[in-house]
C-alpha atoms as a PDB file:
ATOM      1  CA  MET A   1     -17.751  -0.494 -42.523  1.00  0.00           C
ATOM      2  CA  ARG A   2     -15.810  -2.312 -39.771  1.00  0.00           C
ATOM      3  CA  ALA A   3     -17.753  -3.558 -36.821  1.00  0.00           C
ATOM      4  CA  THR A   4     -16.739  -1.935 -33.614  1.00  0.00           C
ATOM      5  CA  SER A   5     -16.139  -4.299 -29.971  1.00  0.00           C
ATOM      6  CA  THR A   6     -18.914  -4.361 -27.696  1.00  0.00           C
ATOM      7  CA  ARG A   7     -16.842  -5.756 -25.160  1.00  0.00           C
ATOM      8  CA  ARG A   8     -15.915  -3.726 -22.123  1.00  0.00           C
ATOM      9  CA  THR A   9     -13.753  -3.374 -19.294  1.00  0.00           C
ATOM     10  CA  PRO A  10     -15.773  -3.919 -16.002  1.00  0.00           C
ATOM     11  CA  ARG A  11     -16.106  -0.729 -13.831  1.00  0.00           C
ATOM     12  CA  PRO A  12     -15.633  -0.990 -10.174  1.00  0.00           C
ATOM     13  CA  ARG A  13     -19.008  -0.400  -8.182  1.00  0.00           C
ATOM     14  CA  GLY A  14     -19.845   1.971  -5.068  1.00  0.00           C
ATOM     15  CA  ARG A  15     -16.915   2.565  -2.899  1.00  0.00           C
ATOM     16  CA  ARG A  16     -14.483   0.919  -4.108  1.00  0.00           C
ATOM     17  CA  ALA A  17     -15.533   2.862  -7.881  1.00  0.00           C
ATOM     18  CA  SER A  18     -15.081   5.924  -5.098  1.00  0.00           C
ATOM     19  CA  TYR A  19     -12.012   5.057  -4.178  1.00  0.00           C
ATOM     20  CA  ASP A  20     -10.155   3.706  -6.827  1.00  0.00           C
ATOM     21  CA  ASN A  21     -11.979   7.382  -8.510  1.00  0.00           C
ATOM     22  CA  TYR A  22      -9.669   9.427  -5.160  1.00  0.00           C
ATOM     23  CA  LEU A  23      -6.631   7.467  -6.498  1.00  0.00           C
ATOM     24  CA  ALA A  24      -6.239   8.779 -10.005  1.00  0.00           C
ATOM     25  CA  SER A  25      -6.992  12.436  -8.954  1.00  0.00           C
ATOM     26  CA  ARG A  26      -4.934  15.210  -7.886  1.00  0.00           C
ATOM     27  CA  ALA A  27      -5.831  15.449  -3.957  1.00  0.00           C
ATOM     28  CA  TRP A  28      -3.987  12.099  -3.639  1.00  0.00           C
ATOM     29  CA  SER A  29      -1.497  13.721  -5.494  1.00  0.00           C
ATOM     30  CA  ASP A  30      -1.639  16.496  -3.289  1.00  0.00           C
ATOM     31  CA  LYS A  31      -1.856  14.385  -0.356  1.00  0.00           C
ATOM     32  CA  ARG A  32       1.279  12.056  -1.630  1.00  0.00           C
ATOM     33  CA  LYS A  33       3.487  15.455  -1.823  1.00  0.00           C
ATOM     34  CA  GLN A  34       2.541  16.561   1.311  1.00  0.00           C
ATOM     35  CA  TRP A  35       3.255  12.989   3.351  1.00  0.00           C
ATOM     36  CA  TYR A  36       6.754  13.323   1.541  1.00  0.00           C
ATOM     37  CA  ALA A  37       7.089  16.597   2.371  1.00  0.00           C
ATOM     38  CA  ALA A  38       6.175  15.858   6.186  1.00  0.00           C
ATOM     39  CA  TRP A  39       8.547  12.937   6.123  1.00  0.00           C
ATOM     40  CA  LEU A  40      11.296  14.923   4.665  1.00  0.00           C
ATOM     41  CA  SER A  41      10.834  17.370   7.668  1.00  0.00           C
ATOM     42  CA  SER A  42      10.203  14.897  10.486  1.00  0.00           C
ATOM     43  CA  ALA A  43      12.504  12.539  10.065  1.00  0.00           C
ATOM     44  CA  GLY A  44      15.160  13.818   8.196  1.00  0.00           C
ATOM     45  CA  ILE A  45      15.980  11.341   5.696  1.00  0.00           C
ATOM     46  CA  GLU A  46      15.037   9.524   2.439  1.00  0.00           C
ATOM     47  CA  PRO A  47      11.152   7.176   3.502  1.00  0.00           C
ATOM     48  CA  SER A  48      11.948   3.235   2.688  1.00  0.00           C
ATOM     49  CA  CYS A  49       9.780   0.548   2.263  1.00  0.00           C
ATOM     50  CA  LEU A  50       8.777  -0.299   5.863  1.00  0.00           C
ATOM     51  CA  VAL A  51       8.727  -4.128   4.819  1.00  0.00           C
ATOM     52  CA  CYS A  52      12.479  -4.428   2.898  1.00  0.00           C
ATOM     53  CA  GLY A  53      14.333  -0.440   2.887  1.00  0.00           C
ATOM     54  CA  ARG A  54      13.848  -0.279  -0.503  1.00  0.00           C
ATOM     55  CA  ARG A  55      13.817   3.316  -1.617  1.00  0.00           C
ATOM     56  CA  TRP A  56      10.703   5.453  -1.730  1.00  0.00           C
ATOM     57  CA  THR A  57       9.707   7.482  -3.729  1.00  0.00           C
ATOM     58  CA  LEU A  58       7.101   9.517  -5.223  1.00  0.00           C
ATOM     59  CA  LYS A  59       6.739   8.221  -8.290  1.00  0.00           C
ATOM     60  CA  SER A  60       6.747   4.512  -7.609  1.00  0.00           C
ATOM     61  CA  GLY A  61       6.311   4.297  -3.803  1.00  0.00           C
ATOM     62  CA  HIS A  62       2.703   3.115  -2.789  1.00  0.00           C
ATOM     63  CA  LEU A  63       1.434   4.690   0.884  1.00  0.00           C
ATOM     64  CA  HIS A  64      -0.759   2.276   2.964  1.00  0.00           C
ATOM     65  CA  HIS A  65      -3.823   3.406   4.400  1.00  0.00           C
ATOM     66  CA  THR A  66      -4.023   2.870   8.267  1.00  0.00           C
ATOM     67  CA  THR A  67      -7.346   3.761   8.330  1.00  0.00           C
ATOM     68  CA  TYR A  68     -10.378   4.766   5.728  1.00  0.00           C
ATOM     69  CA  ALA A  69     -11.698   6.701   8.652  1.00  0.00           C
ATOM     70  CA  ARG A  70     -11.067  10.608   6.880  1.00  0.00           C
ATOM     71  CA  LEU A  71     -10.637   8.846   3.076  1.00  0.00           C
ATOM     72  CA  GLY A  72     -10.200  12.270   1.297  1.00  0.00           C
ATOM     73  CA  ASP A  73      -9.112  14.035   4.571  1.00  0.00           C
ATOM     74  CA  GLU A  74      -6.433  11.691   6.110  1.00  0.00           C
ATOM     75  CA  SER A  75      -4.058  12.736   8.583  1.00  0.00           C
ATOM     76  CA  LEU A  76      -0.577  12.009   7.548  1.00  0.00           C
ATOM     77  CA  SER A  77      -0.062   9.893  10.123  1.00  0.00           C
ATOM     78  CA  GLY A  78      -2.412   7.638   8.158  1.00  0.00           C
ATOM     79  CA  PHE A  79      -0.174   6.039   5.979  1.00  0.00           C
ATOM     80  CA  VAL A  80       2.880   4.363   5.733  1.00  0.00           C
ATOM     81  CA  PRO A  81       5.733   3.517   3.087  1.00  0.00           C
ATOM     82  CA  LEU A  82       5.663   0.467   0.910  1.00  0.00           C
ATOM     83  CA  CYS A  83       7.337  -0.484  -2.321  1.00  0.00           C
ATOM     84  CA  ARG A  84       4.508  -1.900  -4.552  1.00  0.00           C
ATOM     85  CA  ARG A  85       5.214  -5.704  -4.218  1.00  0.00           C
ATOM     86  CA  ASP A  86       5.750  -5.275   0.056  1.00  0.00           C
ATOM     87  CA  HIS A  87       1.614  -3.753  -0.741  1.00  0.00           C
ATOM     88  CA  ARG A  88       0.196  -6.411  -2.882  1.00  0.00           C
ATOM     89  CA  ALA A  89       2.217  -8.768   0.097  1.00  0.00           C
ATOM     90  CA  LEU A  90       0.284  -6.651   2.691  1.00  0.00           C
ATOM     91  CA  HIS A  91      -3.033  -6.245   0.764  1.00  0.00           C
ATOM     92  CA  ALA A  92      -3.199 -10.238  -0.207  1.00  0.00           C
ATOM     93  CA  VAL A  93      -3.211 -11.123   3.515  1.00  0.00           C
ATOM     94  CA  ILE A  94      -5.080  -9.128   5.074  1.00  0.00           C
ATOM     95  CA  ASP A  95      -7.779  -8.764   2.394  1.00  0.00           C
ATOM     96  CA  SER A  96      -8.041 -12.714   2.190  1.00  0.00           C
ATOM     97  CA  THR A  97      -8.014 -13.491   6.106  1.00  0.00           C
ATOM     98  CA  PRO A  98     -11.024 -12.739   8.054  1.00  0.00           C
ATOM     99  CA  THR A  99      -9.147 -12.478  11.030  1.00  0.00           C
ATOM    100  CA  TRP A 100      -6.856 -10.182   9.356  1.00  0.00           C
ATOM    101  CA  ARG A 101     -10.109  -7.814   7.900  1.00  0.00           C
ATOM    102  CA  ARG A 102     -11.787  -7.968  11.799  1.00  0.00           C
ATOM    103  CA  THR A 103      -8.460  -6.853  13.552  1.00  0.00           C
ATOM    104  CA  ASP A 104      -8.238  -3.059  13.694  1.00  0.00           C
ATOM    105  CA  ARG A 105      -6.225  -2.025   9.896  1.00  0.00           C
ATOM    106  CA  ARG A 106      -3.601   0.034  12.271  1.00  0.00           C
ATOM    107  CA  THR A 107      -3.031  -3.004  14.714  1.00  0.00           C
ATOM    108  CA  ALA A 108      -2.897  -5.172  11.155  1.00  0.00           C
ATOM    109  CA  THR A 109      -0.688  -3.274   9.184  1.00  0.00           C
ATOM    110  CA  ALA A 110       1.796  -3.040  11.667  1.00  0.00           C
ATOM    111  CA  ALA A 111       2.046  -6.581  12.687  1.00  0.00           C
ATOM    112  CA  LEU A 112       2.399  -7.654   8.997  1.00  0.00           C
ATOM    113  CA  ILE A 113       4.711  -5.027   8.296  1.00  0.00           C
ATOM    114  CA  ALA A 114       7.012  -7.368  10.416  1.00  0.00           C
ATOM    115  CA  VAL A 115       5.371 -10.034   9.920  1.00  0.00           C
ATOM    116  CA  LEU A 116       6.668  -9.851   6.457  1.00  0.00           C
ATOM    117  CA  ARG A 117      10.050  -8.165   7.880  1.00  0.00           C
ATOM    118  CA  GLU A 118      10.777 -10.911   9.683  1.00  0.00           C
ATOM    119  CA  ALA A 119       9.461 -13.500   6.766  1.00  0.00           C
ATOM    120  CA  ARG A 120      12.322 -11.624   4.205  1.00  0.00           C
ATOM    121  CA  THR A 121      14.873 -11.893   6.598  1.00  0.00           C
ATOM    122  CA  ALA A 122      14.627 -15.309   6.948  1.00  0.00           C
ATOM    123  CA  ARG A 123      14.946 -16.305   3.320  1.00  0.00           C
ATOM    124  CA  THR A 124      17.492 -13.802   2.751  1.00  0.00           C
ATOM    125  CA  ASP A 125      19.311 -15.457   5.663  1.00  0.00           C
ATOM    126  CA  LEU A 126      18.669 -18.336   4.207  1.00  0.00           C
ATOM    127  CA  GLY A 127      20.390 -17.781   0.941  1.00  0.00           C
ATOM    128  CA  SER A 128      17.465 -17.310  -1.583  1.00  0.00           C
ATOM    129  CA  ASP A 129      15.892 -15.091  -3.684  1.00  0.00           C
ATOM    130  CA  PRO A 130      12.576 -12.899  -1.530  1.00  0.00           C
ATOM    131  CA  PRO A 131       9.133 -14.063  -3.049  1.00  0.00           C
ATOM    132  CA  THR A 132       6.185 -12.082  -2.234  1.00  0.00           C
ATOM    133  CA  ALA A 133       6.377 -12.605   1.203  1.00  0.00           C
ATOM    134  CA  LEU A 134       3.068 -14.917   3.027  1.00  0.00           C
ATOM    135  CA  THR A 135       0.932 -14.846  -0.619  1.00  0.00           C
ATOM    136  CA  SER A 136       2.194 -18.436  -2.087  1.00  0.00           C
END
């Protein structure tokens, strides 16, 4: 008889576990669809990443929460569309910098999107490939 592995993948605890469960839920999928429909209706164009301009889709796009105040019952205006790379870059800065963590999340998000966009433009102007901004 084969021995079974006792190695387990660590599971998130507390608020993080609740958040991860929510992101994997049907409710979150439905909220993304509602956001997408509202965006198309109000903007009249497909959404794109607010940093790099890459096309945003329901399948591959990320929605960044500008507030966690009403998690699970968010207002559709509480999200911004980002590509995976720029969403990770934004979180790398917010999550690792005490000043950004203390800043109102909506304000920090808007400011960091502007910083990431400017950094990407500067690198593009220099002719280099744009690596993940502000995470190196």
